[in-house]
Structure formats: structure tokens, C-alpha cells
C-alpha atoms as a PDB file:
ATOM      1  CA  MET A   1      91.487  96.769  81.482  1.00  0.00           C
ATOM      2  CA  ALA A   2      89.061  94.041  81.687  1.00  0.00           C
ATOM      3  CA  GLU A   3      89.557  92.766  77.942  1.00  0.00           C
ATOM      4  CA  ARG A   4      93.203  91.529  78.698  1.00  0.00           C
ATOM      5  CA  GLY A   5      91.947  89.224  81.448  1.00  0.00           C
ATOM      6  CA  VAL A   6      89.929  87.103  78.741  1.00  0.00           C
ATOM      7  CA  THR A   7      92.501  87.347  76.355  1.00  0.00           C
ATOM      8  CA  ASP A   8      94.930  86.151  79.148  1.00  0.00           C
ATOM      9  CA  ILE A   9      92.773  83.018  80.500  1.00  0.00           C
ATOM     10  CA  PHE A  10      93.386  81.677  77.425  1.00  0.00           C
ATOM     11  CA  THR A  11      96.047  82.281  76.122  1.00  0.00           C
ATOM     12  CA  ARG A  12      97.960  81.617  79.849  1.00  0.00           C
ATOM     13  CA  HIS A  13      98.577  77.702  79.122  1.00  0.00           C
ATOM     14  CA  PRO A  14      99.335  77.932  75.259  1.00  0.00           C
ATOM     15  CA  ALA A  15     102.409  79.751  76.524  1.00  0.00           C
ATOM     16  CA  SER A  16     103.505  77.665  79.399  1.00  0.00           C
ATOM     17  CA  VAL A  17     104.152  75.385  76.743  1.00  0.00           C
ATOM     18  CA  GLY A  18     105.467  77.883  74.144  1.00  0.00           C
ATOM     19  CA  GLU A  19     102.102  77.875  71.753  1.00  0.00           C
ATOM     20  CA  SER A  20     100.685  80.497  71.016  1.00  0.00           C
ATOM     21  CA  TYR A  21      96.396  80.037  71.188  1.00  0.00           C
ATOM     22  CA  THR A  22      95.770  79.020  67.738  1.00  0.00           C
ATOM     23  CA  GLU A  23      99.240  75.529  67.822  1.00  0.00           C
ATOM     24  CA  HIS A  24      97.837  75.052  71.092  1.00  0.00           C
ATOM     25  CA  PHE A  25      94.172  75.054  69.901  1.00  0.00           C
ATOM     26  CA  GLY A  26      95.653  72.267  67.205  1.00  0.00           C
ATOM     27  CA  VAL A  27      97.204  70.115  69.471  1.00  0.00           C
ATOM     28  CA  ALA A  28      94.357  69.404  71.681  1.00  0.00           C
ATOM     29  CA  ILE A  29      92.292  68.714  69.039  1.00  0.00           C
ATOM     30  CA  ARG A  30      94.459  66.195  66.479  1.00  0.00           C
ATOM     31  CA  TYR A  31      94.584  64.127  70.782  1.00  0.00           C
ATOM     32  CA  SER A  32      91.144  64.804  70.845  1.00  0.00           C
ATOM     33  CA  GLY A  33      91.136  63.151  67.725  1.00  0.00           C
ATOM     34  CA  ARG A  34      93.270  60.362  69.451  1.00  0.00           C
ATOM     35  CA  MET A  35      91.687  59.684  72.060  1.00  0.00           C
ATOM     36  CA  PHE A  36      88.417  58.821  70.865  1.00  0.00           C
ATOM     37  CA  ALA A  37      89.768  56.707  68.440  1.00  0.00           C
ATOM     38  CA  ALA A  38      91.715  54.908  71.011  1.00  0.00           C
ATOM     39  CA  GLY A  39      87.529  54.343  73.054  1.00  0.00           C
ATOM     40  CA  PHE A  40      86.094  53.587  70.414  1.00  0.00           C
ATOM     41  CA  CYS A  41      88.314  50.776  69.554  1.00  0.00           C
ATOM     42  CA  ALA A  42      88.489  49.898  73.351  1.00  0.00           C
ATOM     43  CA  LEU A  43      84.972  49.591  73.355  1.00  0.00           C
ATOM     44  CA  VAL A  44      84.409  47.653  70.220  1.00  0.00           C
ATOM     45  CA  HIS A  45      86.634  46.081  72.029  1.00  0.00           C
ATOM     46  CA  ALA A  46      85.400  45.799  74.501  1.00  0.00           C
ATOM     47  CA  PHE A  47      82.560  43.027  73.064  1.00  0.00           C
ATOM     48  CA  LEU A  48      84.311  41.569  70.031  1.00  0.00           C
ATOM     49  CA  PRO A  49      88.043  40.734  72.101  1.00  0.00           C
ATOM     50  CA  PHE A  50      88.902  39.800  68.990  1.00  0.00           C
ATOM     51  CA  LEU A  51      89.012  43.045  67.058  1.00  0.00           C
ATOM     52  CA  PHE A  52      90.931  46.203  68.738  1.00  0.00           C
ATOM     53  CA  GLU A  53      93.292  43.257  70.305  1.00  0.00           C
ATOM     54  CA  LYS A  54      96.649  46.465  70.775  1.00  0.00           C
ATOM     55  CA  THR A  55      94.763  49.534  68.562  1.00  0.00           C
ATOM     56  CA  ALA A  56      93.153  51.270  71.818  1.00  0.00           C
ATOM     57  CA  SER A  57      96.966  50.913  73.775  1.00  0.00           C
ATOM     58  CA  GLY A  58      98.865  51.358  70.972  1.00  0.00           C
ATOM     59  CA  ILE A  59      97.287  54.808  70.389  1.00  0.00           C
ATOM     60  CA  VAL A  60      97.794  56.042  74.013  1.00  0.00           C
ATOM     61  CA  ARG A  61     101.516  54.662  74.026  1.00  0.00           C
ATOM     62  CA  ARG A  62     102.175  56.559  70.288  1.00  0.00           C
ATOM     63  CA  MET A  63     100.818  59.778  72.772  1.00  0.00           C
ATOM     64  CA  VAL A  64     102.748  59.870  75.448  1.00  0.00           C
ATOM     65  CA  ALA A  65     105.718  59.134  73.286  1.00  0.00           C
ATOM     66  CA  ASP A  66     104.431  62.515  71.654  1.00  0.00           C
ATOM     67  CA  MET A  67     103.918  64.106  74.986  1.00  0.00           C
ATOM     68  CA  ASP A  68     106.990  63.008  75.438  1.00  0.00           C
ATOM     69  CA  ARG A  69     109.043  64.659  72.617  1.00  0.00           C
ATOM     70  CA  ARG A  70     106.925  67.891  72.335  1.00  0.00           C
ATOM     71  CA  THR A  71     108.220  68.699  76.521  1.00  0.00           C
ATOM     72  CA  GLY A  72     110.967  67.017  76.488  1.00  0.00           C
ATOM     73  CA  THR A  73     110.454  65.058  79.353  1.00  0.00           C
ATOM     74  CA  PRO A  74     109.393  61.685  80.133  1.00  0.00           C
ATOM     75  CA  ALA A  75     106.386  61.284  81.411  1.00  0.00           C
ATOM     76  CA  ALA A  76     105.241  60.365  85.171  1.00  0.00           C
ATOM     77  CA  ALA A  77     105.361  56.605  85.836  1.00  0.00           C
ATOM     78  CA  PRO A  78     101.752  56.001  87.672  1.00  0.00           C
ATOM     79  CA  GLN A  79     101.605  55.383  91.600  1.00  0.00           C
ATOM     80  CA  ILE A  80      99.565  52.122  92.251  1.00  0.00           C
ATOM     81  CA  VAL A  81      97.940  51.739  95.478  1.00  0.00           C
ATOM     82  CA  PRO A  82      98.196  48.420  96.756  1.00  0.00           C
ATOM     83  CA  ALA A  83      94.856  46.951  97.497  1.00  0.00           C
ATOM     84  CA  GLU A  84      92.987  47.455 101.732  1.00  0.00           C
END
């Protein structure tokens, strides 16, 4: 029974989004790579604003569009809390 519980913690979430563990691993690794690329571009842009002017935001927009396409539902709009 304990073996089944260990397997379940690795497969429950992937199954909830219609993927096997291996499929979910691949998708997550690709998103991770894109996030690292976007973060690197944003970091360089912070010091050298003439470089990567729209690269990081473009990567994020494409990721959101890809996630929306994969899930069939658009991402929720962020809630903006007014400053006091």
C-alpha cells in the first residue's frame, strides 16, 4: 500500500491535467527553460535597457497563450490592489 501512495504523489497532478508523469515532466522542463530565458533577458535589460526591450514580456505572453491553448481556459486577469 505504501508503494501505491508514493506513486500517487508523483502522478496525481499530471493526471489531473490529462498527462502522464513523463509528459508533464517534459512540459514543465520546457516552461522552466522559457522562464530562465525570460529572467535572463529581464536581468540584462535592467542594466542595459537598450537590449531585450520586449523579449522577456514576449516570452511570458507566448507561455500564457500556450497554457491557455493547452487548458482550454484563459488565464485569470491579475487582481490589482490600489495603493493606500
